[in-house]
Amino acid sequence: MTKNDKYIGAFIILLGLYMFIQTFWTSYPNFPNEPGPVLMPKVIGGGLFLCGLGLLLWPKKKEKKEEIYSKEEIVYIQEGSLKRMFIIAGAFICYVAILNIIGFIISTIVFLAFSIWFLNPIKTKQTFIIATTTAIGMSIIVNFSFSKLLNIRLPDGLF
């Protein structure tokens, strides 16, 4: 455990407590025989609290000073990953911009297929076909789940 783990764990605990306590102060409509809109914030707040505790109380390994200095420095950001991050962020912004115009299914297929293919280190025709197939399948499953099972409308767009 590092010093940063302690700070992050404490922050997550405070965030979880704030989220959990806020559900008791917020006014919301009561629905008979339903948990209401505060159930998920309570669950997420409790989960954040437990994760923060886990981060704080995780078993600590005692390392000898020689081992600390002999370890190689870990590279967290690989070459080109910042560029990939900005390209995916730009693609996501374009996805959100065209979502209402083109519709959920087509824009999601295009965004997912591009993201899966672009983030794959091997860019061949086969990986493009796999990315496109996965994108089509996931878009259809999510659209069916929301529109038919949950009765939530997704953007139709022009198509």
Protein backbone atom coordinates (compact mmCIF):
# COMPACT_ATOMS: atom_id res chain seq x y z
CA MET A 1 0.00 0.00 0.00
CA THR A 2 1.27 3.40 -0.89
CA LYS A 3 0.49 6.80 0.56
CA ASN A 4 -1.68 7.52 -2.48
CA ASP A 5 -3.77 4.42 -1.73
CA LYS A 6 -4.55 5.84 1.71
CA TYR A 7 -5.61 9.19 0.26
CA ILE A 8 -7.71 7.59 -2.46
CA GLY A 9 -9.29 5.18 0.04
CA ALA A 10 -10.17 8.03 2.40
CA PHE A 11 -11.65 10.05 -0.47
CA ILE A 12 -13.74 7.08 -1.65
CA ILE A 13 -14.99 6.48 1.91
CA LEU A 14 -16.01 10.14 2.27
CA LEU A 15 -17.69 10.10 -1.15
CA GLY A 16 -19.61 6.92 -0.28
CA LEU A 17 -20.71 8.33 3.09
CA TYR A 18 -21.81 11.60 1.49
CA MET A 19 -23.77 9.74 -1.16
CA PHE A 20 -25.42 7.45 1.41
CA ILE A 21 -26.30 10.25 3.84
CA GLN A 22 -27.57 12.49 1.06
CA THR A 23 -30.31 9.94 0.29
CA PHE A 24 -31.87 10.62 3.70
CA TRP A 25 -31.90 14.41 3.23
CA THR A 26 -33.26 14.47 -0.30
CA SER A 27 -37.00 14.71 -0.79
CA TYR A 28 -38.44 12.35 -3.36
CA PRO A 29 -41.87 11.01 -4.28
CA ASN A 30 -42.95 7.86 -2.48
CA PHE A 31 -44.14 4.95 -4.55
CA PRO A 32 -46.20 2.19 -2.95
CA ASN A 33 -44.51 -1.22 -2.92
CA GLU A 34 -41.36 0.16 -4.58
CA PRO A 35 -38.02 1.11 -3.05
CA GLY A 36 -38.06 4.51 -4.72
CA PRO A 37 -35.34 6.47 -6.46
CA VAL A 38 -32.93 6.37 -3.50
CA LEU A 39 -32.21 2.64 -3.61
CA MET A 40 -29.39 2.81 -6.13
CA PRO A 41 -27.61 5.78 -4.51
CA LYS A 42 -27.74 3.90 -1.19
CA VAL A 43 -26.32 0.75 -2.78
CA ILE A 44 -23.62 2.66 -4.67
CA GLY A 45 -22.73 4.74 -1.60
CA GLY A 46 -22.43 1.60 0.51
CA GLY A 47 -20.33 -0.07 -2.17
CA LEU A 48 -18.01 2.94 -2.39
CA PHE A 49 -17.65 2.93 1.39
CA LEU A 50 -16.74 -0.76 1.43
CA CYS A 51 -14.30 -0.36 -1.46
CA GLY A 52 -12.64 2.56 0.31
CA LEU A 53 -12.33 0.50 3.48
CA GLY A 54 -10.85 -2.33 1.46
CA LEU A 55 -8.30 0.04 -0.01
CA LEU A 56 -7.37 1.38 3.42
CA LEU A 57 -7.26 -1.97 5.21
CA TRP A 58 -5.77 -4.11 2.45
CA PRO A 59 -2.91 -6.30 3.74
CA LYS A 60 0.26 -4.31 3.66
CA LYS A 61 3.43 -5.89 2.38
CA LYS A 62 6.60 -4.90 4.15
CA GLU A 63 9.29 -4.29 1.58
CA LYS A 64 12.93 -4.04 2.33
CA LYS A 65 14.69 -0.85 1.29
CA GLU A 66 16.92 -2.78 -1.10
CA GLU A 67 13.86 -4.17 -2.92
CA ILE A 68 12.31 -0.73 -3.29
CA TYR A 69 15.37 0.73 -4.98
CA SER A 70 16.06 -2.34 -7.11
CA LYS A 71 12.65 -2.36 -8.80
CA GLU A 72 12.39 -0.96 -12.27
CA GLU A 73 10.21 2.07 -12.70
CA ILE A 74 6.80 1.08 -14.03
CA VAL A 75 5.61 2.94 -17.11
CA TYR A 76 1.90 3.63 -16.72
CA ILE A 77 1.38 5.57 -19.93
CA GLN A 78 2.60 3.74 -22.98
CA GLU A 79 3.74 5.48 -26.12
CA GLY A 80 0.80 6.62 -28.19
CA SER A 81 -1.84 5.98 -25.52
CA LEU A 82 -2.53 9.68 -25.01
CA LYS A 83 -3.21 10.00 -28.74
CA ARG A 84 -5.53 6.97 -28.63
CA MET A 85 -7.37 8.47 -25.64
CA PHE A 86 -8.03 11.74 -27.48
CA ILE A 87 -9.17 9.93 -30.63
CA ILE A 88 -11.64 7.79 -28.65
CA ALA A 89 -12.86 10.88 -26.76
CA GLY A 90 -13.40 12.65 -30.09
CA ALA A 91 -15.23 9.63 -31.46
CA PHE A 92 -17.45 9.60 -28.38
CA ILE A 93 -18.26 13.30 -28.79
CA CYS A 94 -19.16 12.64 -32.45
CA TYR A 95 -21.28 9.66 -31.35
CA VAL A 96 -23.25 11.81 -28.92
CA ALA A 97 -23.63 14.57 -31.52
CA ILE A 98 -25.08 12.27 -34.20
CA LEU A 99 -27.09 10.02 -31.87
CA ASN A 100 -30.37 11.93 -32.28
CA ILE A 101 -29.80 12.55 -35.98
CA ILE A 102 -28.91 9.06 -37.20
CA GLY A 103 -30.50 7.05 -34.40
CA PHE A 104 -29.28 4.74 -31.68
CA ILE A 105 -28.68 1.54 -33.62
CA ILE A 106 -26.64 2.90 -36.55
CA SER A 107 -24.61 5.41 -34.52
CA THR A 108 -23.86 2.80 -31.83
CA ILE A 109 -22.78 0.24 -34.42
CA VAL A 110 -20.42 2.74 -36.03
CA PHE A 111 -19.00 3.95 -32.70
CA LEU A 112 -18.53 0.48 -31.19
CA ALA A 113 -17.06 -1.01 -34.35
CA PHE A 114 -14.58 1.85 -34.66
CA SER A 115 -13.66 1.77 -30.96
CA ILE A 116 -13.14 -1.98 -30.83
CA TRP A 117 -11.14 -2.01 -34.05
CA PHE A 118 -9.10 1.09 -33.18
CA LEU A 119 -8.15 -0.11 -29.68
CA ASN A 120 -7.15 -3.54 -30.95
CA PRO A 121 -3.38 -3.69 -31.46
CA ILE A 122 -3.79 -5.96 -34.51
CA LYS A 123 -5.66 -4.22 -37.30
CA THR A 124 -6.61 -6.72 -39.96
CA LYS A 125 -9.72 -7.46 -42.01
CA GLN A 126 -10.59 -10.23 -39.55
CA THR A 127 -10.45 -7.92 -36.53
CA PHE A 128 -12.63 -5.40 -38.37
CA ILE A 129 -15.21 -8.13 -39.10
CA ILE A 130 -15.14 -9.27 -35.46
CA ALA A 131 -15.49 -5.67 -34.24
CA THR A 132 -18.40 -4.99 -36.59
CA THR A 133 -20.17 -8.24 -35.68
CA THR A 134 -19.74 -7.54 -31.98
CA ALA A 135 -21.01 -3.99 -32.43
CA ILE A 136 -24.09 -5.14 -34.37
CA GLY A 137 -24.90 -7.81 -31.80
CA MET A 138 -24.46 -5.53 -28.81
CA SER A 139 -26.47 -2.72 -30.40
CA ILE A 140 -29.37 -5.03 -31.15
CA ILE A 141 -29.29 -6.56 -27.65
CA VAL A 142 -29.18 -3.16 -25.92
CA ASN A 143 -31.89 -1.73 -28.18
CA PHE A 144 -34.15 -4.73 -27.59
CA SER A 145 -33.52 -4.64 -23.84
CA PHE A 146 -34.34 -0.97 -23.50
CA SER A 147 -37.19 -0.64 -25.98
CA LYS A 148 -39.02 -3.95 -25.47
CA LEU A 149 -38.13 -5.20 -21.99
CA LEU A 150 -37.73 -1.93 -20.09
CA ASN A 151 -40.06 0.14 -22.30
CA ILE A 152 -37.51 2.98 -22.57
CA ARG A 153 -37.34 4.81 -25.86
CA LEU A 154 -33.96 5.25 -27.52
CA PRO A 155 -33.30 7.86 -30.22
CA ASP A 156 -34.85 6.75 -33.51
CA GLY A 157 -33.23 9.30 -35.75
CA LEU A 158 -33.91 9.29 -39.47
CA PHE A 159 -33.96 5.52 -39.81
